[in-house]
Amino acid sequence: ADSVKGRFTISRDNAKNTVYLQANILKPEDTAVYLCAARSA
């Protein structure tokens, strides 16, 4: 999303079955419940 470009990085480690979100330079407007989701497609 434009609002997080340059600040957040998504990555995945398939060996660990884990997806990450590195969130940097956090702003008050980033306050939220963060949910991960998966799609089989």
PDB file of all heavy atoms in Angstrom:
ATOM      1  N   ALA A   1       0.836  -1.182   0.000  1.00  0.00           N
ATOM      2  CA  ALA A   1       0.000   0.000   0.000  1.00  0.00           C
ATOM      3  C   ALA A   1       0.879   1.244   0.000  1.00  0.00           C
ATOM      4  O   ALA A   1       1.973   1.251   0.576  1.00  0.00           O
ATOM      5  CB  ALA A   1      -0.909   0.011   1.227  1.00  0.00           C
ATOM      6  N   ASP A   2       0.403   2.285  -0.658  1.00  0.00           N
ATOM      7  CA  ASP A   2       1.190   3.515  -0.727  1.00  0.00           C
ATOM      8  C   ASP A   2       1.546   4.050   0.657  1.00  0.00           C
ATOM      9  O   ASP A   2       2.620   4.629   0.850  1.00  0.00           O
ATOM     10  CB  ASP A   2       0.423   4.588  -1.502  1.00  0.00           C
ATOM     11  CG  ASP A   2       0.372   4.313  -2.989  1.00  0.00           C
ATOM     12  OD1 ASP A   2       1.178   3.508  -3.488  1.00  0.00           O
ATOM     13  OD2 ASP A   2      -0.490   4.914  -3.667  1.00  0.00           O
ATOM     14  N   SER A   3       0.674   3.843   1.607  1.00  0.00           N
ATOM     15  CA  SER A   3       0.874   4.384   2.936  1.00  0.00           C
ATOM     16  C   SER A   3       2.053   3.763   3.681  1.00  0.00           C
ATOM     17  O   SER A   3       2.543   4.350   4.649  1.00  0.00           O
ATOM     18  CB  SER A   3      -0.396   4.221   3.772  1.00  0.00           C
ATOM     19  OG  SER A   3      -0.754   2.855   3.887  1.00  0.00           O
ATOM     20  N   VAL A   4       2.508   2.593   3.236  1.00  0.00           N
ATOM     21  CA  VAL A   4       3.598   1.915   3.940  1.00  0.00           C
ATOM     22  C   VAL A   4       4.831   1.703   3.076  1.00  0.00           C
ATOM     23  O   VAL A   4       5.846   1.196   3.576  1.00  0.00           O
ATOM     24  CB  VAL A   4       3.143   0.567   4.527  1.00  0.00           C
ATOM     25  CG1 VAL A   4       1.921   0.747   5.417  1.00  0.00           C
ATOM     26  CG2 VAL A   4       2.862  -0.450   3.424  1.00  0.00           C
ATOM     27  N   LYS A   5       4.779   2.087   1.818  1.00  0.00           N
ATOM     28  CA  LYS A   5       5.927   1.901   0.938  1.00  0.00           C
ATOM     29  C   LYS A   5       7.158   2.591   1.515  1.00  0.00           C
ATOM     30  O   LYS A   5       7.095   3.730   1.957  1.00  0.00           O
ATOM     31  CB  LYS A   5       5.634   2.452  -0.451  1.00  0.00           C
ATOM     32  CG  LYS A   5       4.743   1.575  -1.295  1.00  0.00           C
ATOM     33  CD  LYS A   5       4.524   2.192  -2.676  1.00  0.00           C
ATOM     34  CE  LYS A   5       3.629   1.321  -3.529  1.00  0.00           C
ATOM     35  NZ  LYS A   5       3.358   1.951  -4.843  1.00  0.00           N
ATOM     36  N   GLY A   6       8.262   1.870   1.476  1.00  0.00           N
ATOM     37  CA  GLY A   6       9.508   2.403   1.993  1.00  0.00           C
ATOM     38  C   GLY A   6       9.688   2.225   3.478  1.00  0.00           C
ATOM     39  O   GLY A   6      10.791   2.450   3.992  1.00  0.00           O
ATOM     40  N   ARG A   7       8.630   1.844   4.178  1.00  0.00           N
ATOM     41  CA  ARG A   7       8.706   1.653   5.624  1.00  0.00           C
ATOM     42  C   ARG A   7       8.502   0.197   6.037  1.00  0.00           C
ATOM     43  O   ARG A   7       9.112  -0.261   6.995  1.00  0.00           O
ATOM     44  CB  ARG A   7       7.667   2.515   6.330  1.00  0.00           C
ATOM     45  CG  ARG A   7       7.835   4.006   6.081  1.00  0.00           C
ATOM     46  CD  ARG A   7       6.909   4.825   6.976  1.00  0.00           C
ATOM     47  NE  ARG A   7       5.498   4.547   6.704  1.00  0.00           N
ATOM     48  CZ  ARG A   7       4.646   4.056   7.601  1.00  0.00           C
ATOM     49  NH1 ARG A   7       5.052   3.792   8.832  1.00  0.00           N
ATOM     50  NH2 ARG A   7       3.378   3.847   7.269  1.00  0.00           N
ATOM     51  N   PHE A   8       7.636  -0.498   5.326  1.00  0.00           N
ATOM     52  CA  PHE A   8       7.306  -1.880   5.663  1.00  0.00           C
ATOM     53  C   PHE A   8       7.889  -2.825   4.624  1.00  0.00           C
ATOM     54  O   PHE A   8       7.987  -2.481   3.435  1.00  0.00           O
ATOM     55  CB  PHE A   8       5.794  -2.084   5.692  1.00  0.00           C
ATOM     56  CG  PHE A   8       5.071  -1.440   6.846  1.00  0.00           C
ATOM     57  CD1 PHE A   8       5.663  -0.459   7.626  1.00  0.00           C
ATOM     58  CD2 PHE A   8       3.777  -1.831   7.138  1.00  0.00           C
ATOM     59  CE1 PHE A   8       4.985   0.126   8.679  1.00  0.00           C
ATOM     60  CE2 PHE A   8       3.085  -1.253   8.190  1.00  0.00           C
ATOM     61  CZ  PHE A   8       3.685  -0.277   8.960  1.00  0.00           C
ATOM     62  N   THR A   9       8.241  -4.027   5.065  1.00  0.00           N
ATOM     63  CA  THR A   9       8.731  -5.065   4.174  1.00  0.00           C
ATOM     64  C   THR A   9       8.056  -6.382   4.512  1.00  0.00           C
ATOM     65  O   THR A   9       8.075  -6.814   5.662  1.00  0.00           O
ATOM     66  CB  THR A   9      10.252  -5.233   4.286  1.00  0.00           C
ATOM     67  OG1 THR A   9      10.902  -3.995   3.991  1.00  0.00           O
ATOM     68  CG2 THR A   9      10.742  -6.295   3.303  1.00  0.00           C
ATOM     69  N   ILE A  10       7.469  -7.008   3.501  1.00  0.00           N
ATOM     70  CA  ILE A  10       6.886  -8.325   3.675  1.00  0.00           C
ATOM     71  C   ILE A  10       7.862  -9.362   3.146  1.00  0.00           C
ATOM     72  O   ILE A  10       8.526  -9.145   2.129  1.00  0.00           O
ATOM     73  CB  ILE A  10       5.514  -8.438   2.976  1.00  0.00           C
ATOM     74  CG1 ILE A  10       4.836  -9.765   3.319  1.00  0.00           C
ATOM     75  CG2 ILE A  10       5.635  -8.253   1.474  1.00  0.00           C
ATOM     76  CD1 ILE A  10       3.384  -9.850   2.837  1.00  0.00           C
ATOM     77  N   SER A  11       7.967 -10.471   3.835  1.00  0.00           N
ATOM     78  CA  SER A  11       8.835 -11.550   3.393  1.00  0.00           C
ATOM     79  C   SER A  11       8.240 -12.875   3.848  1.00  0.00           C
ATOM     80  O   SER A  11       7.345 -12.907   4.694  1.00  0.00           O
ATOM     81  CB  SER A  11      10.259 -11.381   3.939  1.00  0.00           C
ATOM     82  OG  SER A  11      10.272 -11.416   5.355  1.00  0.00           O
ATOM     83  N   ARG A  12       8.741 -13.937   3.275  1.00  0.00           N
ATOM     84  CA  ARG A  12       8.253 -15.250   3.658  1.00  0.00           C
ATOM     85  C   ARG A  12       9.413 -16.220   3.782  1.00  0.00           C
ATOM     86  O   ARG A  12      10.411 -16.128   3.057  1.00  0.00           O
ATOM     87  CB  ARG A  12       7.222 -15.773   2.651  1.00  0.00           C
ATOM     88  CG  ARG A  12       7.758 -15.975   1.236  1.00  0.00           C
ATOM     89  CD  ARG A  12       6.632 -16.220   0.237  1.00  0.00           C
ATOM     90  NE  ARG A  12       5.898 -17.441   0.517  1.00  0.00           N
ATOM     91  CZ  ARG A  12       4.703 -17.723   0.013  1.00  0.00           C
ATOM     92  NH1 ARG A  12       4.092 -16.852  -0.784  1.00  0.00           N
ATOM     93  NH2 ARG A  12       4.114 -18.872   0.314  1.00  0.00           N
ATOM     94  N   ASP A  13       9.278 -17.141   4.696  1.00  0.00           N
ATOM     95  CA  ASP A  13      10.242 -18.205   4.890  1.00  0.00           C
ATOM     96  C   ASP A  13       9.465 -19.506   4.766  1.00  0.00           C
ATOM     97  O   ASP A  13       8.809 -19.944   5.711  1.00  0.00           O
ATOM     98  CB  ASP A  13      10.928 -18.092   6.246  1.00  0.00           C
ATOM     99  CG  ASP A  13      12.043 -19.101   6.431  1.00  0.00           C
ATOM    100  OD1 ASP A  13      12.054 -20.128   5.733  1.00  0.00           O
ATOM    101  OD2 ASP A  13      12.917 -18.867   7.286  1.00  0.00           O
ATOM    102  N   ASN A  14       9.530 -20.097   3.595  1.00  0.00           N
ATOM    103  CA  ASN A  14       8.733 -21.292   3.346  1.00  0.00           C
ATOM    104  C   ASN A  14       9.174 -22.470   4.211  1.00  0.00           C
ATOM    105  O   ASN A  14       8.359 -23.329   4.555  1.00  0.00           O
ATOM    106  CB  ASN A  14       8.799 -21.663   1.870  1.00  0.00           C
ATOM    107  CG  ASN A  14       8.069 -20.672   0.992  1.00  0.00           C
ATOM    108  OD1 ASN A  14       7.197 -19.942   1.445  1.00  0.00           O
ATOM    109  ND2 ASN A  14       8.428 -20.642  -0.290  1.00  0.00           N
ATOM    110  N   ALA A  15      10.447 -22.521   4.550  1.00  0.00           N
ATOM    111  CA  ALA A  15      10.934 -23.595   5.403  1.00  0.00           C
ATOM    112  C   ALA A  15      10.324 -23.537   6.792  1.00  0.00           C
ATOM    113  O   ALA A  15      10.190 -24.560   7.460  1.00  0.00           O
ATOM    114  CB  ALA A  15      12.459 -23.555   5.492  1.00  0.00           C
ATOM    115  N   LYS A  16       9.974 -22.336   7.233  1.00  0.00           N
ATOM    116  CA  LYS A  16       9.376 -22.149   8.549  1.00  0.00           C
ATOM    117  C   LYS A  16       7.872 -21.941   8.495  1.00  0.00           C
ATOM    118  O   LYS A  16       7.244 -21.722   9.534  1.00  0.00           O
ATOM    119  CB  LYS A  16      10.030 -20.964   9.260  1.00  0.00           C
ATOM    120  CG  LYS A  16      11.502 -21.143   9.548  1.00  0.00           C
ATOM    121  CD  LYS A  16      12.045 -19.951  10.318  1.00  0.00           C
ATOM    122  CE  LYS A  16      13.527 -20.116  10.610  1.00  0.00           C
ATOM    123  NZ  LYS A  16      13.783 -21.261  11.513  1.00  0.00           N
ATOM    124  N   ASN A  17       7.301 -21.986   7.298  1.00  0.00           N
ATOM    125  CA  ASN A  17       5.872 -21.730   7.131  1.00  0.00           C
ATOM    126  C   ASN A  17       5.462 -20.425   7.808  1.00  0.00           C
ATOM    127  O   ASN A  17       4.454 -20.352   8.522  1.00  0.00           O
ATOM    128  CB  ASN A  17       5.039 -22.887   7.684  1.00  0.00           C
ATOM    129  CG  ASN A  17       5.041 -24.102   6.776  1.00  0.00           C
ATOM    130  OD1 ASN A  17       5.715 -24.143   5.750  1.00  0.00           O
ATOM    131  ND2 ASN A  17       4.265 -25.107   7.152  1.00  0.00           N
ATOM    132  N   THR A  18       6.240 -19.396   7.563  1.00  0.00           N
ATOM    133  CA  THR A  18       6.032 -18.127   8.248  1.00  0.00           C
ATOM    134  C   THR A  18       6.140 -16.969   7.267  1.00  0.00           C
ATOM    135  O   THR A  18       7.015 -16.961   6.396  1.00  0.00           O
ATOM    136  CB  THR A  18       7.053 -17.942   9.379  1.00  0.00           C
ATOM    137  OG1 THR A  18       6.924 -19.024  10.310  1.00  0.00           O
ATOM    138  CG2 THR A  18       6.825 -16.627  10.115  1.00  0.00           C
ATOM    139  N   VAL A  19       5.252 -16.011   7.424  1.00  0.00           N
ATOM    140  CA  VAL A  19       5.334 -14.760   6.700  1.00  0.00           C
ATOM    141  C   VAL A  19       5.565 -13.648   7.711  1.00  0.00           C
ATOM    142  O   VAL A  19       5.011 -13.666   8.813  1.00  0.00           O
ATOM    143  CB  VAL A  19       4.071 -14.510   5.844  1.00  0.00           C
ATOM    144  CG1 VAL A  19       2.809 -14.469   6.701  1.00  0.00           C
ATOM    145  CG2 VAL A  19       4.219 -13.241   5.020  1.00  0.00           C
ATOM    146  N   TYR A  20       6.408 -12.684   7.337  1.00  0.00           N
ATOM    147  CA  TYR A  20       6.796 -11.611   8.230  1.00  0.00           C
ATOM    148  C   TYR A  20       6.379 -10.260   7.666  1.00  0.00           C
ATOM    149  O   TYR A  20       6.260 -10.077   6.458  1.00  0.00           O
ATOM    150  CB  TYR A  20       8.313 -11.587   8.428  1.00  0.00           C
ATOM    151  CG  TYR A  20       8.892 -12.871   8.948  1.00  0.00           C
ATOM    152  CD1 TYR A  20       9.409 -13.825   8.086  1.00  0.00           C
ATOM    153  CD2 TYR A  20       8.924 -13.129  10.314  1.00  0.00           C
ATOM    154  CE1 TYR A  20       9.946 -15.003   8.564  1.00  0.00           C
ATOM    155  CE2 TYR A  20       9.461 -14.305  10.805  1.00  0.00           C
ATOM    156  CZ  TYR A  20       9.969 -15.240   9.926  1.00  0.00           C
ATOM    157  OH  TYR A  20      10.505 -16.411  10.407  1.00  0.00           O
ATOM    158  N   LEU A  21       6.207  -9.338   8.551  1.00  0.00           N
ATOM    159  CA  LEU A  21       6.056  -7.943   8.174  1.00  0.00           C
ATOM    160  C   LEU A  21       6.972  -7.119   9.062  1.00  0.00           C
ATOM    161  O   LEU A  21       6.719  -6.985  10.261  1.00  0.00           O
ATOM    162  CB  LEU A  21       4.611  -7.464   8.329  1.00  0.00           C
ATOM    163  CG  LEU A  21       4.345  -6.044   7.832  1.00  0.00           C
ATOM    164  CD1 LEU A  21       4.428  -5.984   6.306  1.00  0.00           C
ATOM    165  CD2 LEU A  21       2.981  -5.543   8.298  1.00  0.00           C
ATOM    166  N   GLN A  22       8.042  -6.608   8.476  1.00  0.00           N
ATOM    167  CA  GLN A  22       8.929  -5.702   9.180  1.00  0.00           C
ATOM    168  C   GLN A  22       8.381  -4.294   9.020  1.00  0.00           C
ATOM    169  O   GLN A  22       8.317  -3.777   7.903  1.00  0.00           O
ATOM    170  CB  GLN A  22      10.346  -5.785   8.625  1.00  0.00           C
ATOM    171  CG  GLN A  22      11.326  -4.824   9.284  1.00  0.00           C
ATOM    172  CD  GLN A  22      11.570  -5.149  10.737  1.00  0.00           C
ATOM    173  OE1 GLN A  22      11.910  -6.280  11.074  1.00  0.00           O
ATOM    174  NE2 GLN A  22      11.378  -4.169  11.615  1.00  0.00           N
ATOM    175  N   ALA A  23       7.969  -3.712  10.102  1.00  0.00           N
ATOM    176  CA  ALA A  23       7.341  -2.405  10.087  1.00  0.00           C
ATOM    177  C   ALA A  23       8.280  -1.407  10.738  1.00  0.00           C
ATOM    178  O   ALA A  23       8.541  -1.486  11.947  1.00  0.00           O
ATOM    179  CB  ALA A  23       6.002  -2.437  10.810  1.00  0.00           C
ATOM    180  N   ASN A  24       8.781  -0.467   9.953  1.00  0.00           N
ATOM    181  CA  ASN A  24       9.727   0.534  10.424  1.00  0.00           C
ATOM    182  C   ASN A  24       9.122   1.926  10.344  1.00  0.00           C
ATOM    183  O   ASN A  24       8.152   2.163   9.633  1.00  0.00           O
ATOM    184  CB  ASN A  24      11.006   0.497   9.588  1.00  0.00           C
ATOM    185  CG  ASN A  24      11.745  -0.814   9.682  1.00  0.00           C
ATOM    186  OD1 ASN A  24      11.757  -1.457  10.731  1.00  0.00           O
ATOM    187  ND2 ASN A  24      12.383  -1.213   8.584  1.00  0.00           N
ATOM    188  N   ILE A  25       9.747   2.830  11.036  1.00  0.00           N
ATOM    189  CA  ILE A  25       9.340   4.239  11.059  1.00  0.00           C
ATOM    190  C   ILE A  25       7.834   4.317  11.289  1.00  0.00           C
ATOM    191  O   ILE A  25       7.097   4.976  10.556  1.00  0.00           O
ATOM    192  CB  ILE A  25       9.751   4.968   9.763  1.00  0.00           C
ATOM    193  CG1 ILE A  25      11.155   4.549   9.307  1.00  0.00           C
ATOM    194  CG2 ILE A  25       9.734   6.489   9.974  1.00  0.00           C
ATOM    195  CD1 ILE A  25      11.590   5.134   7.989  1.00  0.00           C
ATOM    196  N   LEU A  26       7.399   3.648  12.304  1.00  0.00           N
ATOM    197  CA  LEU A  26       5.975   3.557  12.571  1.00  0.00           C
ATOM    198  C   LEU A  26       5.394   4.912  12.933  1.00  0.00           C
ATOM    199  O   LEU A  26       6.040   5.737  13.585  1.00  0.00           O
ATOM    200  CB  LEU A  26       5.714   2.551  13.687  1.00  0.00           C
ATOM    201  CG  LEU A  26       5.832   1.093  13.242  1.00  0.00           C
ATOM    202  CD1 LEU A  26       6.046   0.177  14.434  1.00  0.00           C
ATOM    203  CD2 LEU A  26       4.584   0.674  12.465  1.00  0.00           C
ATOM    204  N   LYS A  27       4.166   5.106  12.500  1.00  0.00           N
ATOM    205  CA  LYS A  27       3.435   6.343  12.721  1.00  0.00           C
ATOM    206  C   LYS A  27       2.169   6.043  13.509  1.00  0.00           C
ATOM    207  O   LYS A  27       1.660   4.928  13.467  1.00  0.00           O
ATOM    208  CB  LYS A  27       3.052   6.982  11.382  1.00  0.00           C
ATOM    209  CG  LYS A  27       4.209   7.228  10.440  1.00  0.00           C
ATOM    210  CD  LYS A  27       3.710   7.734   9.094  1.00  0.00           C
ATOM    211  CE  LYS A  27       4.845   7.968   8.132  1.00  0.00           C
ATOM    212  NZ  LYS A  27       4.361   8.462   6.822  1.00  0.00           N
ATOM    213  N   PRO A  28       1.634   7.021  14.211  1.00  0.00           N
ATOM    214  CA  PRO A  28       0.383   6.779  14.937  1.00  0.00           C
ATOM    215  C   PRO A  28      -0.726   6.241  14.043  1.00  0.00           C
ATOM    216  O   PRO A  28      -1.534   5.424  14.499  1.00  0.00           O
ATOM    217  CB  PRO A  28       0.033   8.160  15.495  1.00  0.00           C
ATOM    218  CG  PRO A  28       1.356   8.817  15.693  1.00  0.00           C
ATOM    219  CD  PRO A  28       2.188   8.349  14.526  1.00  0.00           C
ATOM    220  N   GLU A  29      -0.778   6.660  12.799  1.00  0.00           N
ATOM    221  CA  GLU A  29      -1.804   6.175  11.893  1.00  0.00           C
ATOM    222  C   GLU A  29      -1.625   4.717  11.496  1.00  0.00           C
ATOM    223  O   GLU A  29      -2.500   4.139  10.847  1.00  0.00           O
ATOM    224  CB  GLU A  29      -1.899   7.054  10.636  1.00  0.00           C
ATOM    225  CG  GLU A  29      -0.573   7.260   9.928  1.00  0.00           C
ATOM    226  CD  GLU A  29       0.087   8.577  10.295  1.00  0.00           C
ATOM    227  OE1 GLU A  29       0.097   8.921  11.498  1.00  0.00           O
ATOM    228  OE2 GLU A  29       0.590   9.269   9.393  1.00  0.00           O
ATOM    229  N   ASP A  30      -0.497   4.110  11.865  1.00  0.00           N
ATOM    230  CA  ASP A  30      -0.311   2.684  11.661  1.00  0.00           C
ATOM    231  C   ASP A  30      -0.998   1.850  12.738  1.00  0.00           C
ATOM    232  O   ASP A  30      -1.044   0.620  12.622  1.00  0.00           O
ATOM    233  CB  ASP A  30       1.179   2.326  11.643  1.00  0.00           C
ATOM    234  CG  ASP A  30       1.910   2.921  10.459  1.00  0.00           C
ATOM    235  OD1 ASP A  30       1.358   2.915   9.340  1.00  0.00           O
ATOM    236  OD2 ASP A  30       3.051   3.387  10.650  1.00  0.00           O
ATOM    237  N   THR A  31      -1.499   2.485  13.769  1.00  0.00           N
ATOM    238  CA  THR A  31      -2.161   1.771  14.846  1.00  0.00           C
ATOM    239  C   THR A  31      -3.368   1.010  14.317  1.00  0.00           C
ATOM    240  O   THR A  31      -4.255   1.582  13.685  1.00  0.00           O
ATOM    241  CB  THR A  31      -2.601   2.747  15.938  1.00  0.00           C
ATOM    242  OG1 THR A  31      -1.444   3.342  16.533  1.00  0.00           O
ATOM    243  CG2 THR A  31      -3.395   2.032  17.022  1.00  0.00           C
ATOM    244  N   ALA A  32      -3.389  -0.290  14.562  1.00  0.00           N
ATOM    245  CA  ALA A  32      -4.454  -1.146  14.059  1.00  0.00           C
ATOM    246  C   ALA A  32      -4.207  -2.566  14.531  1.00  0.00           C
ATOM    247  O   ALA A  32      -3.133  -2.891  15.053  1.00  0.00           O
ATOM    248  CB  ALA A  32      -4.502  -1.118  12.526  1.00  0.00           C
ATOM    249  N   VAL A  33      -5.200  -3.396  14.331  1.00  0.00           N
ATOM    250  CA  VAL A  33      -5.002  -4.833  14.430  1.00  0.00           C
ATOM    251  C   VAL A  33      -4.486  -5.310  13.084  1.00  0.00           C
ATOM    252  O   VAL A  33      -5.104  -5.051  12.047  1.00  0.00           O
ATOM    253  CB  VAL A  33      -6.299  -5.565  14.804  1.00  0.00           C
ATOM    254  CG1 VAL A  33      -6.100  -7.076  14.733  1.00  0.00           C
ATOM    255  CG2 VAL A  33      -6.762  -5.157  16.194  1.00  0.00           C
ATOM    256  N   TYR A  34      -3.368  -5.981  13.103  1.00  0.00           N
ATOM    257  CA  TYR A  34      -2.766  -6.492  11.884  1.00  0.00           C
ATOM    258  C   TYR A  34      -3.087  -7.971  11.743  1.00  0.00           C
ATOM    259  O   TYR A  34      -2.883  -8.748  12.683  1.00  0.00           O
ATOM    260  CB  TYR A  34      -1.252  -6.268  11.898  1.00  0.00           C
ATOM    261  CG  TYR A  34      -0.879  -4.845  11.598  1.00  0.00           C
ATOM    262  CD1 TYR A  34      -1.152  -3.840  12.515  1.00  0.00           C
ATOM    263  CD2 TYR A  34      -0.279  -4.491  10.393  1.00  0.00           C
ATOM    264  CE1 TYR A  34      -0.842  -2.521  12.238  1.00  0.00           C
ATOM    265  CE2 TYR A  34       0.042  -3.176  10.113  1.00  0.00           C
ATOM    266  CZ  TYR A  34      -0.241  -2.193  11.037  1.00  0.00           C
ATOM    267  OH  TYR A  34       0.083  -0.887  10.751  1.00  0.00           O
ATOM    268  N   LEU A  35      -3.594  -8.339  10.581  1.00  0.00           N
ATOM    269  CA  LEU A  35      -4.001  -9.698  10.314  1.00  0.00           C
ATOM    270  C   LEU A  35      -3.251 -10.244   9.123  1.00  0.00           C
ATOM    271  O   LEU A  35      -3.062  -9.540   8.130  1.00  0.00           O
ATOM    272  CB  LEU A  35      -5.507  -9.768  10.028  1.00  0.00           C
ATOM    273  CG  LEU A  35      -6.446  -9.154  11.064  1.00  0.00           C
ATOM    274  CD1 LEU A  35      -6.949  -7.801  10.579  1.00  0.00           C
ATOM    275  CD2 LEU A  35      -7.597 -10.088  11.341  1.00  0.00           C
ATOM    276  N   CYS A  36      -2.843 -11.480   9.216  1.00  0.00           N
ATOM    277  CA  CYS A  36      -2.281 -12.124   8.043  1.00  0.00           C
ATOM    278  C   CYS A  36      -3.330 -13.005   7.399  1.00  0.00           C
ATOM    279  O   CYS A  36      -4.276 -13.464   8.045  1.00  0.00           O
ATOM    280  CB  CYS A  36      -1.004 -12.905   8.362  1.00  0.00           C
ATOM    281  SG  CYS A  36      -1.218 -14.389   9.344  1.00  0.00           S
ATOM    282  N   ALA A  37      -3.153 -13.226   6.116  1.00  0.00           N
ATOM    283  CA  ALA A  37      -4.109 -13.998   5.345  1.00  0.00           C
ATOM    284  C   ALA A  37      -3.373 -14.822   4.299  1.00  0.00           C
ATOM    285  O   ALA A  37      -2.274 -14.457   3.867  1.00  0.00           O
ATOM    286  CB  ALA A  37      -5.128 -13.077   4.675  1.00  0.00           C
ATOM    287  N   ALA A  38      -3.991 -15.904   3.901  1.00  0.00           N
ATOM    288  CA  ALA A  38      -3.413 -16.785   2.900  1.00  0.00           C
ATOM    289  C   ALA A  38      -4.454 -17.139   1.859  1.00  0.00           C
ATOM    290  O   ALA A  38      -5.642 -17.270   2.170  1.00  0.00           O
ATOM    291  CB  ALA A  38      -2.869 -18.052   3.551  1.00  0.00           C
ATOM    292  N   ARG A  39      -3.992 -17.286   0.634  1.00  0.00           N
ATOM    293  CA  ARG A  39      -4.865 -17.723  -0.445  1.00  0.00           C
ATOM    294  C   ARG A  39      -4.217 -18.873  -1.181  1.00  0.00           C
ATOM    295  O   ARG A  39      -3.035 -18.820  -1.520  1.00  0.00           O
ATOM    296  CB  ARG A  39      -5.202 -16.557  -1.387  1.00  0.00           C
ATOM    297  CG  ARG A  39      -4.012 -15.935  -2.103  1.00  0.00           C
ATOM    298  CD  ARG A  39      -4.382 -14.580  -2.719  1.00  0.00           C
ATOM    299  NE  ARG A  39      -5.478 -14.652  -3.660  1.00  0.00           N
ATOM    300  CZ  ARG A  39      -5.349 -14.665  -4.995  1.00  0.00           C
ATOM    301  NH1 ARG A  39      -4.149 -14.610  -5.558  1.00  0.00           N
ATOM    302  NH2 ARG A  39      -6.431 -14.724  -5.759  1.00  0.00           N
ATOM    303  N   SER A  40      -4.986 -19.908  -1.415  1.00  0.00           N
ATOM    304  CA  SER A  40      -4.443 -21.095  -2.046  1.00  0.00           C
ATOM    305  C   SER A  40      -4.088 -20.865  -3.506  1.00  0.00           C
ATOM    306  O   SER A  40      -3.259 -21.592  -4.053  1.00  0.00           O
ATOM    307  CB  SER A  40      -5.429 -22.259  -1.926  1.00  0.00           C
ATOM    308  OG  SER A  40      -6.672 -21.945  -2.516  1.00  0.00           O
ATOM    309  N   ALA A  41      -4.681 -19.860  -4.132  1.00  0.00           N
ATOM    310  CA  ALA A  41      -4.382 -19.571  -5.528  1.00  0.00           C
ATOM    311  C   ALA A  41      -2.928 -19.154  -5.737  1.00  0.00           C
ATOM    312  O   ALA A  41      -2.379 -19.357  -6.815  1.00  0.00           O
ATOM    313  CB  ALA A  41      -5.323 -18.489  -6.055  1.00  0.00           C
TER     314      ALA A  41
END
